[in-house]
Amino acid sequence: MKTKFLSLILLCLFTTNLWAQATKNAAAMADVRKRLTQIYEKDQKERAAYDAIERQYGWGAKESQDARQKIKDMDKEHLTEVEKIIAQVGGYPGKSVVGQPLDQVAFLIIQHSIDRSVHEKYLPMVTEAAQKNELDKAGVAFLTDQVKVQKKEKQVYGTQIHINNQGQKDVYPIEDEANVDQRRKQMDLEPMAAYLARMGVKKQ
């Protein structure tokens, strides 16, 4: 009788501990989702404000320069916060961890960084997340091309656009351009012609 009673007490304690741990984990993930939401909302708000300032004053105006610096400072702060979240959850905060669309936030902040080493550092993590369906494959394509262009190499998926010497939008060189649409399809990207039209690029 005493043995059964003791076993019952131990079972109750074990169950209580499991419940407490589950509650703690749920609260922690709720906090992560809240932080990612705040990061995304501020990111979009500040970038919209910058766009408005640039339209009003022009790219080279002091007001625009100040706004760009504000964006850079914000991006650094957000990257620090995202890196804390990555450390907390033990990897990329993807779909199974934070749900959609918050799975895109960490990628967005990584991509916004002006530090090339950040892109190279997290490309393997982003790639693995996409392979596990924790992140859309399109993000991998954009970050891959970003790293390639930064290294002055030909991009793979044709996602990176710049302003050429004639002041027109143009696409950075693409390796094996004849088969780029096949690669884009594998990454759930629209055909190159449709992408260029949407981005306002007149391909020669």
N, C-alpha and C. Protein backbone atom coordinates (compact mmCIF):
# COMPACT_ATOMS: atom_id res chain seq x y z
N MET A 1 0.83 -1.21 0.00
CA MET A 1 0.00 0.00 0.00
C MET A 1 0.86 1.26 0.00
N LYS A 2 1.89 1.24 0.87
CA LYS A 2 2.78 2.40 0.95
C LYS A 2 3.53 2.59 -0.37
N THR A 3 3.90 1.44 -0.99
CA THR A 3 4.64 1.51 -2.25
C THR A 3 3.78 2.13 -3.34
N LYS A 4 2.50 1.72 -3.40
CA LYS A 4 1.58 2.28 -4.39
C LYS A 4 1.37 3.77 -4.16
N PHE A 5 1.25 4.13 -2.89
CA PHE A 5 1.02 5.54 -2.53
C PHE A 5 2.23 6.39 -2.93
N LEU A 6 3.43 5.84 -2.65
CA LEU A 6 4.66 6.55 -3.00
C LEU A 6 4.78 6.70 -4.52
N SER A 7 4.42 5.64 -5.23
CA SER A 7 4.48 5.68 -6.69
C SER A 7 3.53 6.72 -7.24
N LEU A 8 2.36 6.83 -6.61
CA LEU A 8 1.36 7.81 -7.04
C LEU A 8 1.88 9.23 -6.83
N ILE A 9 2.53 9.45 -5.69
CA ILE A 9 3.09 10.77 -5.39
C ILE A 9 4.17 11.13 -6.42
N LEU A 10 5.05 10.16 -6.70
CA LEU A 10 6.12 10.40 -7.67
C LEU A 10 5.57 10.69 -9.06
N LEU A 11 4.50 9.97 -9.42
CA LEU A 11 3.87 10.19 -10.72
C LEU A 11 3.27 11.59 -10.80
N CYS A 12 2.64 12.00 -9.72
CA CYS A 12 2.04 13.34 -9.67
C CYS A 12 3.12 14.42 -9.79
N LEU A 13 4.23 14.21 -9.08
CA LEU A 13 5.33 15.18 -9.14
C LEU A 13 5.92 15.25 -10.55
N PHE A 14 6.08 14.07 -11.18
CA PHE A 14 6.63 14.01 -12.53
C PHE A 14 5.72 14.73 -13.52
N THR A 15 4.41 14.46 -13.39
CA THR A 15 3.43 15.09 -14.27
C THR A 15 3.41 16.60 -14.07
N THR A 16 3.50 17.02 -12.81
CA THR A 16 3.51 18.45 -12.51
C THR A 16 4.73 19.13 -13.11
N ASN A 17 5.88 18.46 -13.01
CA ASN A 17 7.11 19.01 -13.58
C ASN A 17 7.03 19.13 -15.10
N LEU A 18 6.45 18.09 -15.72
CA LEU A 18 6.28 18.13 -17.17
C LEU A 18 5.38 19.28 -17.58
N TRP A 19 4.28 19.45 -16.84
CA TRP A 19 3.33 20.53 -17.14
C TRP A 19 3.99 21.89 -16.96
N ALA A 20 4.77 22.02 -15.89
CA ALA A 20 5.46 23.29 -15.61
C ALA A 20 6.46 23.61 -16.71
N GLN A 21 7.19 22.58 -17.16
CA GLN A 21 8.19 22.78 -18.22
C GLN A 21 7.51 23.15 -19.53
N ALA A 22 6.40 22.47 -19.83
CA ALA A 22 5.66 22.76 -21.06
C ALA A 22 5.12 24.19 -21.04
N THR A 23 4.62 24.60 -19.87
CA THR A 23 4.11 25.96 -19.72
C THR A 23 5.22 26.99 -19.91
N LYS A 24 6.38 26.67 -19.34
CA LYS A 24 7.54 27.57 -19.45
C LYS A 24 7.98 27.68 -20.90
N ASN A 25 8.03 26.54 -21.61
CA ASN A 25 8.43 26.55 -23.02
C ASN A 25 7.44 27.32 -23.88
N ALA A 26 6.16 27.13 -23.60
CA ALA A 26 5.12 27.84 -24.36
C ALA A 26 5.24 29.34 -24.16
N ALA A 27 5.51 29.75 -22.93
CA ALA A 27 5.67 31.18 -22.63
C ALA A 27 6.90 31.74 -23.33
N ALA A 28 7.97 30.95 -23.37
CA ALA A 28 9.20 31.39 -24.03
C ALA A 28 8.98 31.57 -25.53
N MET A 29 8.26 30.63 -26.16
CA MET A 29 7.99 30.73 -27.59
C MET A 29 7.04 31.88 -27.90
N ALA A 30 6.11 32.13 -27.00
CA ALA A 30 5.20 33.27 -27.18
C ALA A 30 5.99 34.57 -27.15
N ASP A 31 6.99 34.61 -26.28
CA ASP A 31 7.84 35.80 -26.19
C ASP A 31 8.67 35.95 -27.45
N VAL A 32 9.18 34.86 -27.99
CA VAL A 32 9.95 34.91 -29.23
C VAL A 32 9.09 35.44 -30.37
N ARG A 33 7.86 34.93 -30.47
CA ARG A 33 6.96 35.40 -31.53
C ARG A 33 6.65 36.88 -31.37
N LYS A 34 6.49 37.32 -30.13
CA LYS A 34 6.22 38.73 -29.86
C LYS A 34 7.39 39.60 -30.30
N ARG A 35 8.60 39.16 -29.98
CA ARG A 35 9.80 39.93 -30.34
C ARG A 35 9.97 39.99 -31.86
N LEU A 36 9.73 38.88 -32.54
CA LEU A 36 9.84 38.87 -33.99
C LEU A 36 8.78 39.77 -34.63
N THR A 37 7.59 39.77 -34.07
CA THR A 37 6.53 40.65 -34.57
C THR A 37 6.93 42.11 -34.43
N GLN A 38 7.47 42.46 -33.28
CA GLN A 38 7.90 43.84 -33.04
C GLN A 38 9.02 44.24 -33.98
N ILE A 39 9.96 43.33 -34.21
CA ILE A 39 11.07 43.60 -35.13
C ILE A 39 10.53 43.87 -36.53
N TYR A 40 9.64 43.01 -36.99
CA TYR A 40 9.10 43.15 -38.35
C TYR A 40 8.31 44.45 -38.51
N GLU A 41 7.47 44.74 -37.54
CA GLU A 41 6.64 45.94 -37.64
C GLU A 41 7.49 47.21 -37.66
N LYS A 42 8.52 47.25 -36.82
CA LYS A 42 9.40 48.42 -36.80
C LYS A 42 10.19 48.51 -38.10
N ASP A 43 10.67 47.37 -38.59
CA ASP A 43 11.43 47.34 -39.84
C ASP A 43 10.61 47.94 -40.98
N GLN A 44 9.38 47.48 -41.11
CA GLN A 44 8.53 47.95 -42.20
C GLN A 44 8.15 49.42 -42.03
N LYS A 45 7.88 49.83 -40.81
CA LYS A 45 7.51 51.22 -40.53
C LYS A 45 8.64 52.17 -40.89
N GLU A 46 9.86 51.85 -40.46
CA GLU A 46 11.00 52.74 -40.70
C GLU A 46 11.38 52.78 -42.17
N ARG A 47 11.24 51.65 -42.86
CA ARG A 47 11.57 51.64 -44.28
C ARG A 47 10.52 52.40 -45.10
N ALA A 48 9.28 52.32 -44.69
CA ALA A 48 8.24 53.10 -45.36
C ALA A 48 8.48 54.60 -45.14
N ALA A 49 8.90 54.95 -43.93
CA ALA A 49 9.20 56.35 -43.62
C ALA A 49 10.37 56.85 -44.46
N TYR A 50 11.39 56.00 -44.61
CA TYR A 50 12.54 56.38 -45.43
C TYR A 50 12.14 56.60 -46.88
N ASP A 51 11.32 55.69 -47.42
CA ASP A 51 10.87 55.83 -48.81
C ASP A 51 10.16 57.16 -49.03
N ALA A 52 9.33 57.54 -48.06
CA ALA A 52 8.60 58.80 -48.16
C ALA A 52 9.56 59.99 -48.13
N ILE A 53 10.56 59.93 -47.28
CA ILE A 53 11.56 61.01 -47.18
C ILE A 53 12.36 61.12 -48.47
N GLU A 54 12.76 59.98 -49.02
CA GLU A 54 13.55 60.00 -50.26
C GLU A 54 12.74 60.57 -51.42
N ARG A 55 11.46 60.20 -51.49
CA ARG A 55 10.60 60.73 -52.55
C ARG A 55 10.45 62.24 -52.43
N GLN A 56 10.39 62.72 -51.18
CA GLN A 56 10.17 64.15 -50.96
C GLN A 56 11.43 64.98 -51.18
N TYR A 57 12.57 64.49 -50.69
CA TYR A 57 13.79 65.31 -50.70
C TYR A 57 14.84 64.86 -51.73
N GLY A 58 14.74 63.63 -52.21
CA GLY A 58 15.75 63.13 -53.13
C GLY A 58 16.80 62.30 -52.40
N TRP A 59 17.45 61.41 -53.14
CA TRP A 59 18.37 60.44 -52.55
C TRP A 59 19.54 61.09 -51.84
N GLY A 60 20.10 62.17 -52.42
CA GLY A 60 21.30 62.78 -51.87
C GLY A 60 21.08 63.81 -50.79
N ALA A 61 19.84 64.15 -50.49
CA ALA A 61 19.55 65.18 -49.50
C ALA A 61 19.95 64.73 -48.10
N LYS A 62 20.26 65.71 -47.24
CA LYS A 62 20.66 65.40 -45.87
C LYS A 62 19.57 64.62 -45.14
N GLU A 63 18.33 64.99 -45.40
CA GLU A 63 17.22 64.29 -44.75
C GLU A 63 17.23 62.80 -45.10
N SER A 64 17.53 62.50 -46.37
CA SER A 64 17.58 61.11 -46.81
C SER A 64 18.80 60.39 -46.22
N GLN A 65 19.92 61.09 -46.16
CA GLN A 65 21.12 60.50 -45.58
C GLN A 65 20.91 60.16 -44.11
N ASP A 66 20.27 61.08 -43.38
CA ASP A 66 19.98 60.84 -41.96
C ASP A 66 19.04 59.65 -41.80
N ALA A 67 18.05 59.56 -42.69
CA ALA A 67 17.09 58.46 -42.62
C ALA A 67 17.76 57.12 -42.92
N ARG A 68 18.70 57.13 -43.87
CA ARG A 68 19.43 55.89 -44.19
C ARG A 68 20.29 55.44 -43.01
N GLN A 69 20.91 56.40 -42.34
CA GLN A 69 21.71 56.06 -41.17
C GLN A 69 20.84 55.47 -40.08
N LYS A 70 19.64 56.00 -39.95
CA LYS A 70 18.70 55.48 -38.96
C LYS A 70 18.33 54.03 -39.27
N ILE A 71 18.17 53.74 -40.56
CA ILE A 71 17.86 52.38 -40.99
C ILE A 71 19.03 51.44 -40.68
N LYS A 72 20.25 51.91 -40.95
CA LYS A 72 21.44 51.09 -40.68
C LYS A 72 21.56 50.76 -39.20
N ASP A 73 21.34 51.78 -38.36
CA ASP A 73 21.41 51.57 -36.91
C ASP A 73 20.34 50.57 -36.45
N MET A 74 19.14 50.71 -37.02
CA MET A 74 18.05 49.80 -36.67
C MET A 74 18.38 48.37 -37.10
N ASP A 75 18.93 48.23 -38.30
CA ASP A 75 19.28 46.90 -38.80
C ASP A 75 20.29 46.20 -37.89
N LYS A 76 21.25 46.95 -37.39
CA LYS A 76 22.25 46.38 -36.47
C LYS A 76 21.58 45.90 -35.18
N GLU A 77 20.69 46.73 -34.64
CA GLU A 77 19.98 46.37 -33.42
C GLU A 77 19.13 45.12 -33.64
N HIS A 78 18.44 45.08 -34.76
CA HIS A 78 17.57 43.94 -35.06
C HIS A 78 18.38 42.66 -35.28
N LEU A 79 19.55 42.78 -35.92
CA LEU A 79 20.39 41.60 -36.12
C LEU A 79 20.85 41.04 -34.78
N THR A 80 21.22 41.92 -33.87
CA THR A 80 21.63 41.47 -32.53
C THR A 80 20.49 40.72 -31.85
N GLU A 81 19.28 41.24 -31.98
CA GLU A 81 18.12 40.60 -31.36
C GLU A 81 17.81 39.25 -32.02
N VAL A 82 17.90 39.20 -33.33
CA VAL A 82 17.64 37.95 -34.05
C VAL A 82 18.69 36.89 -33.69
N GLU A 83 19.94 37.31 -33.54
CA GLU A 83 20.98 36.36 -33.15
C GLU A 83 20.73 35.80 -31.75
N LYS A 84 20.17 36.62 -30.88
CA LYS A 84 19.79 36.14 -29.55
C LYS A 84 18.68 35.10 -29.65
N ILE A 85 17.73 35.35 -30.54
CA ILE A 85 16.62 34.42 -30.73
C ILE A 85 17.13 33.10 -31.31
N ILE A 86 18.03 33.18 -32.29
CA ILE A 86 18.61 31.97 -32.88
C ILE A 86 19.31 31.14 -31.81
N ALA A 87 20.05 31.81 -30.94
CA ALA A 87 20.73 31.11 -29.85
C ALA A 87 19.72 30.50 -28.88
N GLN A 88 18.64 31.21 -28.63
CA GLN A 88 17.63 30.74 -27.67
C GLN A 88 16.91 29.50 -28.16
N VAL A 89 16.52 29.50 -29.45
CA VAL A 89 15.75 28.37 -29.98
C VAL A 89 16.65 27.26 -30.52
N GLY A 90 17.95 27.52 -30.57
CA GLY A 90 18.89 26.50 -31.01
C GLY A 90 18.92 26.28 -32.50
N GLY A 91 18.68 27.32 -33.25
CA GLY A 91 18.70 27.22 -34.72
C GLY A 91 17.82 28.28 -35.34
N TYR A 92 17.54 28.09 -36.63
CA TYR A 92 16.71 29.07 -37.32
C TYR A 92 15.28 29.03 -36.78
N PRO A 93 14.69 30.20 -36.44
CA PRO A 93 13.31 30.24 -35.95
C PRO A 93 12.31 30.11 -37.10
N GLY A 94 12.09 28.88 -37.51
CA GLY A 94 11.28 28.62 -38.69
C GLY A 94 9.81 28.35 -38.40
N LYS A 95 9.16 27.73 -39.39
CA LYS A 95 7.71 27.52 -39.35
C LYS A 95 7.26 26.71 -38.14
N SER A 96 7.98 25.65 -37.81
CA SER A 96 7.55 24.79 -36.69
C SER A 96 7.79 25.44 -35.34
N VAL A 97 8.61 26.48 -35.32
CA VAL A 97 8.95 27.16 -34.06
C VAL A 97 8.07 28.38 -33.83
N VAL A 98 7.96 29.24 -34.84
CA VAL A 98 7.22 30.50 -34.67
C VAL A 98 6.02 30.63 -35.59
N GLY A 99 5.85 29.68 -36.52
CA GLY A 99 4.72 29.74 -37.43
C GLY A 99 4.94 30.71 -38.57
N GLN A 100 3.94 30.75 -39.46
CA GLN A 100 3.98 31.69 -40.58
C GLN A 100 3.12 32.92 -40.26
N PRO A 101 3.49 34.10 -40.71
CA PRO A 101 4.63 34.46 -41.56
C PRO A 101 5.89 34.83 -40.78
N LEU A 102 5.90 34.61 -39.47
CA LEU A 102 7.05 35.03 -38.66
C LEU A 102 8.32 34.26 -39.00
N ASP A 103 8.19 33.12 -39.70
CA ASP A 103 9.38 32.37 -40.10
C ASP A 103 10.26 33.17 -41.07
N GLN A 104 9.68 34.21 -41.69
CA GLN A 104 10.43 35.01 -42.66
C GLN A 104 11.24 36.13 -42.01
N VAL A 105 10.94 36.46 -40.77
CA VAL A 105 11.51 37.67 -40.15
C VAL A 105 13.02 37.57 -39.97
N ALA A 106 13.50 36.47 -39.42
CA ALA A 106 14.94 36.33 -39.20
C ALA A 106 15.70 36.41 -40.52
N PHE A 107 15.16 35.76 -41.56
CA PHE A 107 15.79 35.84 -42.88
C PHE A 107 15.84 37.28 -43.37
N LEU A 108 14.74 37.99 -43.20
CA LEU A 108 14.66 39.38 -43.65
C LEU A 108 15.74 40.24 -42.99
N ILE A 109 15.92 40.07 -41.70
CA ILE A 109 16.91 40.86 -40.96
C ILE A 109 18.33 40.48 -41.37
N ILE A 110 18.57 39.20 -41.56
CA ILE A 110 19.89 38.74 -42.03
C ILE A 110 20.19 39.35 -43.40
N GLN A 111 19.21 39.32 -44.28
CA GLN A 111 19.41 39.85 -45.63
C GLN A 111 19.64 41.36 -45.62
N HIS A 112 19.02 42.07 -44.69
CA HIS A 112 19.15 43.52 -44.62
C HIS A 112 20.53 43.97 -44.13
N SER A 113 21.26 43.09 -43.49
CA SER A 113 22.57 43.48 -42.96
C SER A 113 23.50 43.94 -44.07
N ILE A 114 24.27 45.00 -43.81
CA ILE A 114 25.23 45.49 -44.80
C ILE A 114 26.58 44.78 -44.65
N ASP A 115 26.67 43.92 -43.67
CA ASP A 115 27.91 43.18 -43.40
C ASP A 115 27.90 41.87 -44.19
N ARG A 116 28.76 41.77 -45.20
CA ARG A 116 28.79 40.58 -46.05
C ARG A 116 29.04 39.31 -45.26
N SER A 117 29.86 39.41 -44.21
CA SER A 117 30.18 38.22 -43.42
C SER A 117 28.93 37.63 -42.75
N VAL A 118 27.96 38.49 -42.47
CA VAL A 118 26.70 38.02 -41.87
C VAL A 118 25.96 37.14 -42.86
N HIS A 119 25.91 37.55 -44.12
CA HIS A 119 25.23 36.77 -45.15
C HIS A 119 25.90 35.41 -45.32
N GLU A 120 27.23 35.42 -45.39
CA GLU A 120 27.96 34.16 -45.56
C GLU A 120 27.81 33.26 -44.33
N LYS A 121 27.79 33.86 -43.16
CA LYS A 121 27.67 33.10 -41.91
C LYS A 121 26.35 32.35 -41.84
N TYR A 122 25.26 33.02 -42.24
CA TYR A 122 23.94 32.42 -42.05
C TYR A 122 23.37 31.73 -43.28
N LEU A 123 24.06 31.81 -44.42
CA LEU A 123 23.56 31.12 -45.62
C LEU A 123 23.40 29.62 -45.39
N PRO A 124 24.36 28.92 -44.78
CA PRO A 124 24.16 27.48 -44.52
C PRO A 124 22.94 27.21 -43.63
N MET A 125 22.72 28.04 -42.62
CA MET A 125 21.58 27.86 -41.72
C MET A 125 20.27 28.08 -42.47
N VAL A 126 20.23 29.13 -43.28
CA VAL A 126 19.03 29.43 -44.06
C VAL A 126 18.76 28.31 -45.06
N THR A 127 19.81 27.81 -45.70
CA THR A 127 19.67 26.72 -46.66
C THR A 127 19.12 25.46 -45.99
N GLU A 128 19.66 25.13 -44.83
CA GLU A 128 19.18 23.95 -44.09
C GLU A 128 17.73 24.12 -43.67
N ALA A 129 17.37 25.33 -43.24
CA ALA A 129 15.99 25.60 -42.84
C ALA A 129 15.03 25.38 -44.00
N ALA A 130 15.42 25.82 -45.19
CA ALA A 130 14.57 25.63 -46.37
C ALA A 130 14.46 24.16 -46.74
N GLN A 131 15.55 23.42 -46.61
CA GLN A 131 15.53 21.99 -46.92
C GLN A 131 14.60 21.23 -45.98
N LYS A 132 14.45 21.74 -44.76
CA LYS A 132 13.57 21.12 -43.77
C LYS A 132 12.16 21.72 -43.80
N ASN A 133 11.89 22.55 -44.81
CA ASN A 133 10.60 23.22 -44.96
C ASN A 133 10.29 24.15 -43.79
N GLU A 134 11.33 24.68 -43.17
CA GLU A 134 11.16 25.65 -42.09
C GLU A 134 11.14 27.08 -42.63
N LEU A 135 11.50 27.23 -43.90
CA LEU A 135 11.59 28.54 -44.55
C LEU A 135 11.37 28.35 -46.04
N ASP A 136 10.74 29.31 -46.68
CA ASP A 136 10.51 29.22 -48.12
C ASP A 136 11.84 29.18 -48.87
N LYS A 137 11.88 28.38 -49.94
CA LYS A 137 13.12 28.22 -50.70
C LYS A 137 13.55 29.50 -51.40
N ALA A 138 12.60 30.37 -51.69
CA ALA A 138 12.93 31.62 -52.39
C ALA A 138 13.96 32.44 -51.61
N GLY A 139 13.87 32.38 -50.29
CA GLY A 139 14.81 33.12 -49.46
C GLY A 139 16.24 32.67 -49.69
N VAL A 140 16.42 31.36 -49.86
CA VAL A 140 17.75 30.81 -50.12
C VAL A 140 18.30 31.35 -51.43
N ALA A 141 17.44 31.42 -52.43
CA ALA A 141 17.86 31.93 -53.74
C ALA A 141 18.36 33.36 -53.64
N PHE A 142 17.61 34.20 -52.96
CA PHE A 142 17.99 35.61 -52.82
C PHE A 142 19.30 35.76 -52.05
N LEU A 143 19.44 35.02 -50.95
CA LEU A 143 20.65 35.16 -50.14
C LEU A 143 21.86 34.56 -50.86
N THR A 144 21.65 33.47 -51.59
CA THR A 144 22.74 32.87 -52.37
C THR A 144 23.27 33.86 -53.40
N ASP A 145 22.35 34.48 -54.13
CA ASP A 145 22.75 35.46 -55.14
C ASP A 145 23.41 36.68 -54.50
N GLN A 146 22.91 37.08 -53.36
CA GLN A 146 23.48 38.23 -52.66
C GLN A 146 24.95 37.97 -52.32
N VAL A 147 25.22 36.79 -51.80
CA VAL A 147 26.60 36.42 -51.45
C VAL A 147 27.47 36.35 -52.70
N LYS A 148 26.93 35.76 -53.77
CA LYS A 148 27.67 35.65 -55.02
C LYS A 148 28.07 37.02 -55.56
N VAL A 149 27.10 37.93 -55.60
CA VAL A 149 27.35 39.28 -56.13
C VAL A 149 28.38 40.01 -55.27
N GLN A 150 28.27 39.86 -53.96
CA GLN A 150 29.22 40.51 -53.05
C GLN A 150 30.65 40.01 -53.28
N LYS A 151 30.76 38.76 -53.73
CA LYS A 151 32.08 38.19 -54.03
C LYS A 151 32.51 38.47 -55.46
N LYS A 152 31.67 39.26 -56.18
CA LYS A 152 31.91 39.59 -57.58
C LYS A 152 31.90 38.34 -58.46
N GLU A 153 31.04 37.40 -58.08
CA GLU A 153 30.82 36.19 -58.87
C GLU A 153 29.46 36.28 -59.55
N LYS A 154 29.26 35.47 -60.58
CA LYS A 154 27.96 35.46 -61.25
C LYS A 154 26.90 34.85 -60.34
N GLN A 155 25.72 35.47 -60.34
CA GLN A 155 24.64 34.95 -59.50
C GLN A 155 24.02 33.71 -60.13
N VAL A 156 23.29 32.97 -59.30
CA VAL A 156 22.74 31.68 -59.73
C VAL A 156 21.29 31.80 -60.19
N TYR A 157 20.51 32.60 -59.49
CA TYR A 157 19.07 32.65 -59.74
C TYR A 157 18.57 33.96 -60.35
N GLY A 158 19.45 34.93 -60.53
CA GLY A 158 19.06 36.18 -61.17
C GLY A 158 18.18 37.09 -60.34
N THR A 159 18.34 37.03 -59.02
CA THR A 159 17.48 37.84 -58.15
C THR A 159 18.01 39.24 -57.89
N GLN A 160 19.31 39.46 -58.13
CA GLN A 160 19.95 40.72 -57.74
C GLN A 160 19.99 41.72 -58.90
N ILE A 161 19.47 42.91 -58.61
CA ILE A 161 19.35 43.98 -59.60
C ILE A 161 20.12 45.20 -59.11
N HIS A 162 20.65 45.96 -60.06
CA HIS A 162 21.39 47.18 -59.70
C HIS A 162 21.12 48.27 -60.73
N ILE A 163 21.65 49.46 -60.46
CA ILE A 163 21.56 50.56 -61.41
C ILE A 163 22.87 50.61 -62.19
N ASN A 164 22.79 50.48 -63.52
CA ASN A 164 24.01 50.44 -64.33
C ASN A 164 24.54 51.84 -64.63
N ASN A 165 25.59 51.90 -65.44
CA ASN A 165 26.24 53.18 -65.74
C ASN A 165 25.36 54.13 -66.53
N GLN A 166 24.32 53.60 -67.14
CA GLN A 166 23.38 54.44 -67.89
C GLN A 166 22.22 54.91 -67.01
N GLY A 167 22.30 54.57 -65.72
CA GLY A 167 21.26 54.99 -64.79
C GLY A 167 19.98 54.17 -64.91
N GLN A 168 20.09 52.97 -65.47
CA GLN A 168 18.92 52.11 -65.65
C GLN A 168 19.05 50.85 -64.80
N LYS A 169 17.90 50.29 -64.45
CA LYS A 169 17.90 49.04 -63.71
C LYS A 169 18.44 47.92 -64.59
N ASP A 170 19.27 47.09 -64.01
CA ASP A 170 19.86 45.99 -64.77
C ASP A 170 20.09 44.80 -63.83
N VAL A 171 20.30 43.64 -64.41
CA VAL A 171 20.53 42.42 -63.64
C VAL A 171 22.02 42.12 -63.60
N TYR A 172 22.52 41.77 -62.43
CA TYR A 172 23.91 41.33 -62.34
C TYR A 172 24.09 40.07 -63.18
N PRO A 173 25.28 39.85 -63.72
CA PRO A 173 25.53 38.67 -64.57
C PRO A 173 25.09 37.36 -63.91
N ILE A 174 24.55 36.47 -64.73
CA ILE A 174 24.02 35.19 -64.26
C ILE A 174 24.80 34.04 -64.89
N GLU A 175 25.20 33.09 -64.10
CA GLU A 175 25.90 31.91 -64.64
C GLU A 175 24.89 31.00 -65.33
N ASP A 176 25.31 30.42 -66.46
CA ASP A 176 24.45 29.51 -67.23
C ASP A 176 23.06 30.12 -67.37
N GLU A 177 23.03 31.33 -67.93
CA GLU A 177 21.77 32.09 -67.99
C GLU A 177 20.69 31.37 -68.78
N ALA A 178 21.07 30.55 -69.75
CA ALA A 178 20.09 29.85 -70.57
C ALA A 178 19.19 28.93 -69.74
N ASN A 179 19.71 28.45 -68.61
CA ASN A 179 18.94 27.51 -67.78
C ASN A 179 18.49 28.12 -66.45
N VAL A 180 18.53 29.45 -66.37
CA VAL A 180 18.20 30.10 -65.10
C VAL A 180 16.76 29.83 -64.68
N ASP A 181 15.84 29.75 -65.64
CA ASP A 181 14.44 29.53 -65.28
C ASP A 181 14.22 28.15 -64.66
N GLN A 182 15.01 27.17 -65.07
CA GLN A 182 14.91 25.84 -64.45
C GLN A 182 15.31 25.91 -62.98
N ARG A 183 16.38 26.65 -62.72
CA ARG A 183 16.84 26.79 -61.34
C ARG A 183 15.85 27.62 -60.53
N ARG A 184 15.29 28.64 -61.13
CA ARG A 184 14.31 29.48 -60.43
C ARG A 184 13.06 28.66 -60.07
N LYS A 185 12.64 27.81 -60.98
CA LYS A 185 11.46 26.98 -60.72
C LYS A 185 11.69 26.06 -59.52
N GLN A 186 12.90 25.54 -59.40
CA GLN A 186 13.23 24.66 -58.27
C GLN A 186 13.15 25.40 -56.93
N MET A 187 13.31 26.73 -56.99
CA MET A 187 13.28 27.54 -55.77
C MET A 187 11.95 28.28 -55.61
N ASP A 188 10.95 27.85 -56.38
CA ASP A 188 9.60 28.44 -56.32
C ASP A 188 9.60 29.92 -56.70
N LEU A 189 10.45 30.29 -57.64
CA LEU A 189 10.50 31.66 -58.14
C LEU A 189 9.82 31.73 -59.50
N GLU A 190 9.23 32.89 -59.80
CA GLU A 190 8.60 33.10 -61.10
C GLU A 190 9.65 33.11 -62.21
N PRO A 191 9.25 32.90 -63.47
CA PRO A 191 10.20 32.96 -64.58
C PRO A 191 10.92 34.30 -64.63
N MET A 192 12.11 34.30 -65.18
CA MET A 192 12.95 35.49 -65.21
C MET A 192 12.27 36.65 -65.91
N ALA A 193 11.61 36.39 -67.03
CA ALA A 193 10.96 37.46 -67.78
C ALA A 193 9.88 38.15 -66.94
N ALA A 194 9.11 37.36 -66.22
CA ALA A 194 8.05 37.92 -65.37
C ALA A 194 8.65 38.73 -64.23
N TYR A 195 9.75 38.23 -63.67
CA TYR A 195 10.43 38.93 -62.56
C TYR A 195 10.97 40.28 -63.03
N LEU A 196 11.62 40.29 -64.19
CA LEU A 196 12.18 41.53 -64.71
C LEU A 196 11.09 42.55 -65.01
N ALA A 197 9.98 42.07 -65.57
CA ALA A 197 8.87 42.98 -65.87
C ALA A 197 8.30 43.57 -64.59
N ARG A 198 8.17 42.74 -63.57
CA ARG A 198 7.62 43.22 -62.29
C ARG A 198 8.56 44.21 -61.62
N MET A 199 9.87 44.03 -61.80
CA MET A 199 10.85 44.90 -61.18
C MET A 199 11.19 46.12 -62.04
N GLY A 200 10.58 46.20 -63.21
CA GLY A 200 10.82 47.36 -64.07
C GLY A 200 12.17 47.35 -64.75
N VAL A 201 12.67 46.15 -65.05
CA VAL A 201 13.97 46.02 -65.72
C VAL A 201 13.73 45.72 -67.20
N LYS A 202 14.30 46.55 -68.05
CA LYS A 202 14.19 46.35 -69.49
C LYS A 202 15.45 45.64 -69.97
N LYS A 203 15.34 44.34 -70.17
CA LYS A 203 16.50 43.53 -70.56
C LYS A 203 16.83 43.78 -72.02
N GLN A 204 18.11 44.06 -72.29
CA GLN A 204 18.55 44.32 -73.66
C GLN A 204 18.62 43.01 -74.45
